[in-house]
C-alpha atoms as a PDB file:
ATOM      1  CA  UNK A   1      86.495  79.974 112.338  1.00  0.00           C
ATOM      2  CA  UNK A   2      86.063  83.715 111.948  1.00  0.00           C
ATOM      3  CA  UNK A   3      89.239  85.751 112.240  1.00  0.00           C
ATOM      4  CA  UNK A   4      89.149  88.478 114.814  1.00  0.00           C
ATOM      5  CA  UNK A   5      90.150  91.887 113.446  1.00  0.00           C
ATOM      6  CA  UNK A   6      91.696  94.197 115.983  1.00  0.00           C
ATOM      7  CA  UNK A   7      91.338  97.972 116.052  1.00  0.00           C
ATOM      8  CA  UNK A   8      94.957  98.170 114.933  1.00  0.00           C
ATOM      9  CA  UNK A   9      94.204  96.016 111.848  1.00  0.00           C
ATOM     10  CA  UNK A  10      91.178  98.179 111.085  1.00  0.00           C
ATOM     11  CA  UNK A  11      93.223 101.385 111.399  1.00  0.00           C
ATOM     12  CA  UNK A  12      95.796  99.974 108.972  1.00  0.00           C
ATOM     13  CA  UNK A  13      93.110  98.858 106.561  1.00  0.00           C
ATOM     14  CA  UNK A  14      91.471 102.278 106.522  1.00  0.00           C
ATOM     15  CA  UNK A  15      94.886 103.950 106.154  1.00  0.00           C
ATOM     16  CA  UNK A  16      95.790 101.714 103.218  1.00  0.00           C
ATOM     17  CA  UNK A  17      92.313 102.347 101.659  1.00  0.00           C
ATOM     18  CA  UNK A  18      92.925 106.105 101.856  1.00  0.00           C
ATOM     19  CA  UNK A  19      90.090 106.670 104.294  1.00  0.00           C
ATOM     20  CA  UNK A  20      92.155 108.720 106.691  1.00  0.00           C
ATOM     21  CA  UNK A  21      89.288 110.111 108.754  1.00  0.00           C
ATOM     22  CA  UNK A  22      88.108 106.552 109.542  1.00  0.00           C
ATOM     23  CA  UNK A  23      91.722 105.575 110.261  1.00  0.00           C
ATOM     24  CA  UNK A  24      91.913 108.484 112.777  1.00  0.00           C
ATOM     25  CA  UNK A  25      88.642 107.442 114.360  1.00  0.00           C
ATOM     26  CA  UNK A  26      89.693 103.808 114.733  1.00  0.00           C
ATOM     27  CA  UNK A  27      93.264 104.766 115.558  1.00  0.00           C
ATOM     28  CA  UNK A  28      92.163 106.843 118.561  1.00  0.00           C
ATOM     29  CA  UNK A  29      90.292 103.800 119.870  1.00  0.00           C
ATOM     30  CA  UNK A  30      93.293 101.585 119.178  1.00  0.00           C
ATOM     31  CA  UNK A  31      95.743 103.786 121.192  1.00  0.00           C
ATOM     32  CA  UNK A  32      93.173 103.962 123.990  1.00  0.00           C
ATOM     33  CA  UNK A  33      92.719 100.228 124.092  1.00  0.00           C
ATOM     34  CA  UNK A  34      96.464  99.414 123.468  1.00  0.00           C
ATOM     35  CA  UNK A  35      98.353 102.335 125.044  1.00  0.00           C
ATOM     36  CA  UNK A  36     101.724 100.588 124.776  1.00  0.00           C
ATOM     37  CA  UNK A  37     101.372  99.357 121.162  1.00  0.00           C
ATOM     38  CA  UNK A  38     103.776 101.096 118.793  1.00  0.00           C
ATOM     39  CA  UNK A  39     101.871 100.113 115.710  1.00  0.00           C
ATOM     40  CA  UNK A  40      98.616 101.718 117.007  1.00  0.00           C
ATOM     41  CA  UNK A  41     100.497 104.996 117.379  1.00  0.00           C
ATOM     42  CA  UNK A  42     102.191 104.745 113.985  1.00  0.00           C
ATOM     43  CA  UNK A  43      98.889 104.148 112.249  1.00  0.00           C
ATOM     44  CA  UNK A  44      97.168 107.009 114.000  1.00  0.00           C
ATOM     45  CA  UNK A  45     100.151 109.324 113.502  1.00  0.00           C
ATOM     46  CA  UNK A  46     100.305 108.525 109.806  1.00  0.00           C
ATOM     47  CA  UNK A  47      96.569 109.164 109.368  1.00  0.00           C
ATOM     48  CA  UNK A  48      96.952 112.554 111.052  1.00  0.00           C
ATOM     49  CA  UNK A  49      99.992 113.291 108.847  1.00  0.00           C
ATOM     50  CA  UNK A  50      98.136 112.429 105.629  1.00  0.00           C
ATOM     51  CA  UNK A  51      95.191 114.706 106.633  1.00  0.00           C
ATOM     52  CA  UNK A  52      97.763 117.486 107.379  1.00  0.00           C
ATOM     53  CA  UNK A  53      96.845 117.533 111.108  1.00  0.00           C
ATOM     54  CA  UNK A  54     100.485 118.183 111.789  1.00  0.00           C
ATOM     55  CA  UNK A  55     100.306 119.113 115.494  1.00  0.00           C
ATOM     56  CA  UNK A  56      98.372 115.904 116.248  1.00  0.00           C
ATOM     57  CA  UNK A  57     100.711 113.849 114.047  1.00  0.00           C
ATOM     58  CA  UNK A  58     103.752 115.284 115.775  1.00  0.00           C
ATOM     59  CA  UNK A  59     102.327 114.450 119.233  1.00  0.00           C
ATOM     60  CA  UNK A  60     101.488 110.922 118.256  1.00  0.00           C
ATOM     61  CA  UNK A  61     104.878 110.225 116.645  1.00  0.00           C
ATOM     62  CA  UNK A  62     106.639 111.649 119.729  1.00  0.00           C
ATOM     63  CA  UNK A  63     104.666 109.182 121.807  1.00  0.00           C
ATOM     64  CA  UNK A  64     105.614 106.382 119.379  1.00  0.00           C
ATOM     65  CA  UNK A  65     109.241 107.422 119.776  1.00  0.00           C
ATOM     66  CA  UNK A  66     108.971 106.864 123.531  1.00  0.00           C
ATOM     67  CA  UNK A  67     107.557 103.361 123.035  1.00  0.00           C
ATOM     68  CA  UNK A  68     110.549 101.841 121.236  1.00  0.00           C
ATOM     69  CA  UNK A  69     114.273 101.646 121.414  1.00  0.00           C
ATOM     70  CA  UNK A  70     114.590  99.471 118.265  1.00  0.00           C
ATOM     71  CA  UNK A  71     116.823 101.304 115.797  1.00  0.00           C
ATOM     72  CA  UNK A  72     114.737 100.309 112.778  1.00  0.00           C
ATOM     73  CA  UNK A  73     111.627 101.768 114.273  1.00  0.00           C
ATOM     74  CA  UNK A  74     113.356 104.925 115.469  1.00  0.00           C
ATOM     75  CA  UNK A  75     114.909 105.471 112.022  1.00  0.00           C
ATOM     76  CA  UNK A  76     111.454 105.508 110.504  1.00  0.00           C
ATOM     77  CA  UNK A  77     109.882 107.618 113.274  1.00  0.00           C
ATOM     78  CA  UNK A  78     112.688 110.200 113.135  1.00  0.00           C
ATOM     79  CA  UNK A  79     112.210 110.461 109.328  1.00  0.00           C
ATOM     80  CA  UNK A  80     108.470 111.132 109.717  1.00  0.00           C
ATOM     81  CA  UNK A  81     108.968 113.624 112.570  1.00  0.00           C
ATOM     82  CA  UNK A  82     111.496 115.425 110.333  1.00  0.00           C
ATOM     83  CA  UNK A  83     108.904 115.629 107.584  1.00  0.00           C
ATOM     84  CA  UNK A  84     106.196 116.863 109.965  1.00  0.00           C
ATOM     85  CA  UNK A  85     108.442 119.504 111.412  1.00  0.00           C
ATOM     86  CA  UNK A  86     109.558 120.655 107.995  1.00  0.00           C
ATOM     87  CA  UNK A  87     105.904 120.984 106.948  1.00  0.00           C
ATOM     88  CA  UNK A  88     105.318 123.015 110.135  1.00  0.00           C
ATOM     89  CA  UNK A  89     108.217 125.232 109.008  1.00  0.00           C
ATOM     90  CA  UNK A  90     110.250 124.295 112.153  1.00  0.00           C
ATOM     91  CA  UNK A  91     113.345 123.864 110.089  1.00  0.00           C
ATOM     92  CA  UNK A  92     115.978 123.569 112.837  1.00  0.00           C
ATOM     93  CA  UNK A  93     114.139 120.808 114.677  1.00  0.00           C
ATOM     94  CA  UNK A  94     113.338 119.115 111.381  1.00  0.00           C
ATOM     95  CA  UNK A  95     116.998 119.129 110.516  1.00  0.00           C
ATOM     96  CA  UNK A  96     117.814 117.492 113.876  1.00  0.00           C
ATOM     97  CA  UNK A  97     115.358 114.673 113.242  1.00  0.00           C
ATOM     98  CA  UNK A  98     116.434 114.128 109.621  1.00  0.00           C
ATOM     99  CA  UNK A  99     120.001 113.851 110.824  1.00  0.00           C
ATOM    100  CA  UNK A 100     119.030 111.345 113.507  1.00  0.00           C
ATOM    101  CA  UNK A 101     117.227 109.273 110.896  1.00  0.00           C
ATOM    102  CA  UNK A 102     120.185 109.555 108.481  1.00  0.00           C
ATOM    103  CA  UNK A 103     122.615 108.390 111.158  1.00  0.00           C
ATOM    104  CA  UNK A 104     120.536 105.334 111.970  1.00  0.00           C
ATOM    105  CA  UNK A 105     119.936 104.570 108.295  1.00  0.00           C
ATOM    106  CA  UNK A 106     123.712 104.645 107.607  1.00  0.00           C
ATOM    107  CA  UNK A 107     124.345 102.427 110.568  1.00  0.00           C
ATOM    108  CA  UNK A 108     121.689  99.945 109.454  1.00  0.00           C
ATOM    109  CA  UNK A 109     122.624 100.192 105.761  1.00  0.00           C
ATOM    110  CA  UNK A 110     119.138 101.350 104.731  1.00  0.00           C
ATOM    111  CA  UNK A 111     119.775 103.384 101.574  1.00  0.00           C
ATOM    112  CA  UNK A 112     116.060 104.125 101.036  1.00  0.00           C
ATOM    113  CA  UNK A 113     115.778 105.966 104.352  1.00  0.00           C
ATOM    114  CA  UNK A 114     119.180 107.611 103.778  1.00  0.00           C
ATOM    115  CA  UNK A 115     117.829 108.970 100.531  1.00  0.00           C
ATOM    116  CA  UNK A 116     114.657 110.305 102.206  1.00  0.00           C
ATOM    117  CA  UNK A 117     116.680 111.954 104.958  1.00  0.00           C
ATOM    118  CA  UNK A 118     119.237 113.455 102.519  1.00  0.00           C
ATOM    119  CA  UNK A 119     116.441 114.886 100.361  1.00  0.00           C
ATOM    120  CA  UNK A 120     114.846 116.452 103.431  1.00  0.00           C
ATOM    121  CA  UNK A 121     118.126 117.842 104.737  1.00  0.00           C
ATOM    122  CA  UNK A 122     118.868 119.330 101.297  1.00  0.00           C
ATOM    123  CA  UNK A 123     115.467 120.910 101.194  1.00  0.00           C
ATOM    124  CA  UNK A 124     115.956 122.525 104.554  1.00  0.00           C
ATOM    125  CA  UNK A 125     119.392 123.888 103.705  1.00  0.00           C
ATOM    126  CA  UNK A 126     117.964 125.257 100.449  1.00  0.00           C
ATOM    127  CA  UNK A 127     115.126 127.001 102.331  1.00  0.00           C
ATOM    128  CA  UNK A 128     117.644 128.419 104.793  1.00  0.00           C
ATOM    129  CA  UNK A 129     119.816 129.766 101.927  1.00  0.00           C
ATOM    130  CA  UNK A 130     122.733 127.461 102.710  1.00  0.00           C
ATOM    131  CA  UNK A 131     123.162 126.533  99.060  1.00  0.00           C
ATOM    132  CA  UNK A 132     126.461 124.646  99.175  1.00  0.00           C
ATOM    133  CA  UNK A 133     125.147 122.430 101.984  1.00  0.00           C
ATOM    134  CA  UNK A 134     121.951 121.857  99.994  1.00  0.00           C
ATOM    135  CA  UNK A 135     123.871 121.009  96.877  1.00  0.00           C
ATOM    136  CA  UNK A 136     126.105 118.508  98.724  1.00  0.00           C
ATOM    137  CA  UNK A 137     123.163 116.723 100.177  1.00  0.00           C
ATOM    138  CA  UNK A 138     121.312 116.611  96.817  1.00  0.00           C
ATOM    139  CA  UNK A 139     124.330 115.068  95.176  1.00  0.00           C
ATOM    140  CA  UNK A 140     124.735 112.503  97.989  1.00  0.00           C
ATOM    141  CA  UNK A 141     121.032 111.701  97.526  1.00  0.00           C
ATOM    142  CA  UNK A 142     121.553 111.111  93.784  1.00  0.00           C
ATOM    143  CA  UNK A 143     124.313 108.643  94.517  1.00  0.00           C
ATOM    144  CA  UNK A 144     121.941 106.556  96.665  1.00  0.00           C
ATOM    145  CA  UNK A 145     118.699 106.839  94.764  1.00  0.00           C
ATOM    146  CA  UNK A 146     118.050 103.610  92.786  1.00  0.00           C
ATOM    147  CA  UNK A 147     114.657 104.638  91.501  1.00  0.00           C
ATOM    148  CA  UNK A 148     114.904 106.845  88.413  1.00  0.00           C
ATOM    149  CA  UNK A 149     111.426 108.249  89.179  1.00  0.00           C
ATOM    150  CA  UNK A 150     112.805 110.286  92.120  1.00  0.00           C
ATOM    151  CA  UNK A 151     115.784 111.741  90.349  1.00  0.00           C
ATOM    152  CA  UNK A 152     114.214 114.391  88.072  1.00  0.00           C
ATOM    153  CA  UNK A 153     112.874 116.337  91.077  1.00  0.00           C
ATOM    154  CA  UNK A 154     116.331 116.356  92.622  1.00  0.00           C
ATOM    155  CA  UNK A 155     117.949 117.434  89.339  1.00  0.00           C
ATOM    156  CA  UNK A 156     115.396 120.276  89.228  1.00  0.00           C
ATOM    157  CA  UNK A 157     116.333 121.227  92.802  1.00  0.00           C
ATOM    158  CA  UNK A 158     120.031 121.169  91.907  1.00  0.00           C
ATOM    159  CA  UNK A 159     119.247 123.355  88.906  1.00  0.00           C
ATOM    160  CA  UNK A 160     117.470 125.819  91.201  1.00  0.00           C
ATOM    161  CA  UNK A 161     120.405 125.920  93.573  1.00  0.00           C
ATOM    162  CA  UNK A 162     122.874 126.584  90.744  1.00  0.00           C
ATOM    163  CA  UNK A 163     120.536 129.286  89.399  1.00  0.00           C
ATOM    164  CA  UNK A 164     120.437 130.954  92.801  1.00  0.00           C
ATOM    165  CA  UNK A 165     124.233 130.779  92.929  1.00  0.00           C
ATOM    166  CA  UNK A 166     124.407 132.497  89.556  1.00  0.00           C
ATOM    167  CA  UNK A 167     125.883 129.468  87.710  1.00  0.00           C
ATOM    168  CA  UNK A 168     123.400 129.409  84.847  1.00  0.00           C
ATOM    169  CA  UNK A 169     125.190 126.838  82.728  1.00  0.00           C
ATOM    170  CA  UNK A 170     125.124 124.289  85.566  1.00  0.00           C
ATOM    171  CA  UNK A 171     121.482 125.268  86.206  1.00  0.00           C
ATOM    172  CA  UNK A 172     120.594 124.468  82.602  1.00  0.00           C
ATOM    173  CA  UNK A 173     122.484 121.160  82.647  1.00  0.00           C
ATOM    174  CA  UNK A 174     120.534 120.027  85.689  1.00  0.00           C
ATOM    175  CA  UNK A 175     117.151 121.272  84.566  1.00  0.00           C
END
C-alpha cells in the first residue's frame, strides 16, 4: 500500500532539505487546504523566516499563535516571533515576545528555550544601550546553556559589554 503524503509533510520535507522556496510554495497550498492546521502555518512561517521574508513570516506566525492555546506551542511561537521582530529592528515588540517565551519556558522547565529567549533579550538590551540588563541576561543564559558550542559567542558578547562599560580587564577575561 502506498503511503499518502500530505501537503504538510511535503512542506516539512522541503524545509528539512533546505529547499525553502519549494517549502513556501507547498506551504501556501497547505494553509489553503488546511486553514486550521497549526503545523501547516509553522512550516510556512519557518520557510519565510529562513528566506528572510520577515513580514510574511511574522504574519504567518501571528496566525499560528491564534490557532493554539497549548503552552508548549506558544512558547516556541513567541520565541520565533521575537527573533523575527528583532531582525526587523522592532526591538520593543521583540522584547515583549522574548519575555512571553521566557515566562512559558520557565513554567514548563524548558531550559533550551529559556536560553534562546535570554540570549535574545540580552541582545536587545545591548542594542538599546542598557548594558547592565544585557549583562545580567547573558550571565543567566550561561548558567542554563549546556552546549559548550553556544558559550563562546555569549562570552564575546559579555566582553563587548564590559568594553563598552570601560572595564577593559573584564572585557579581556571574557574575550
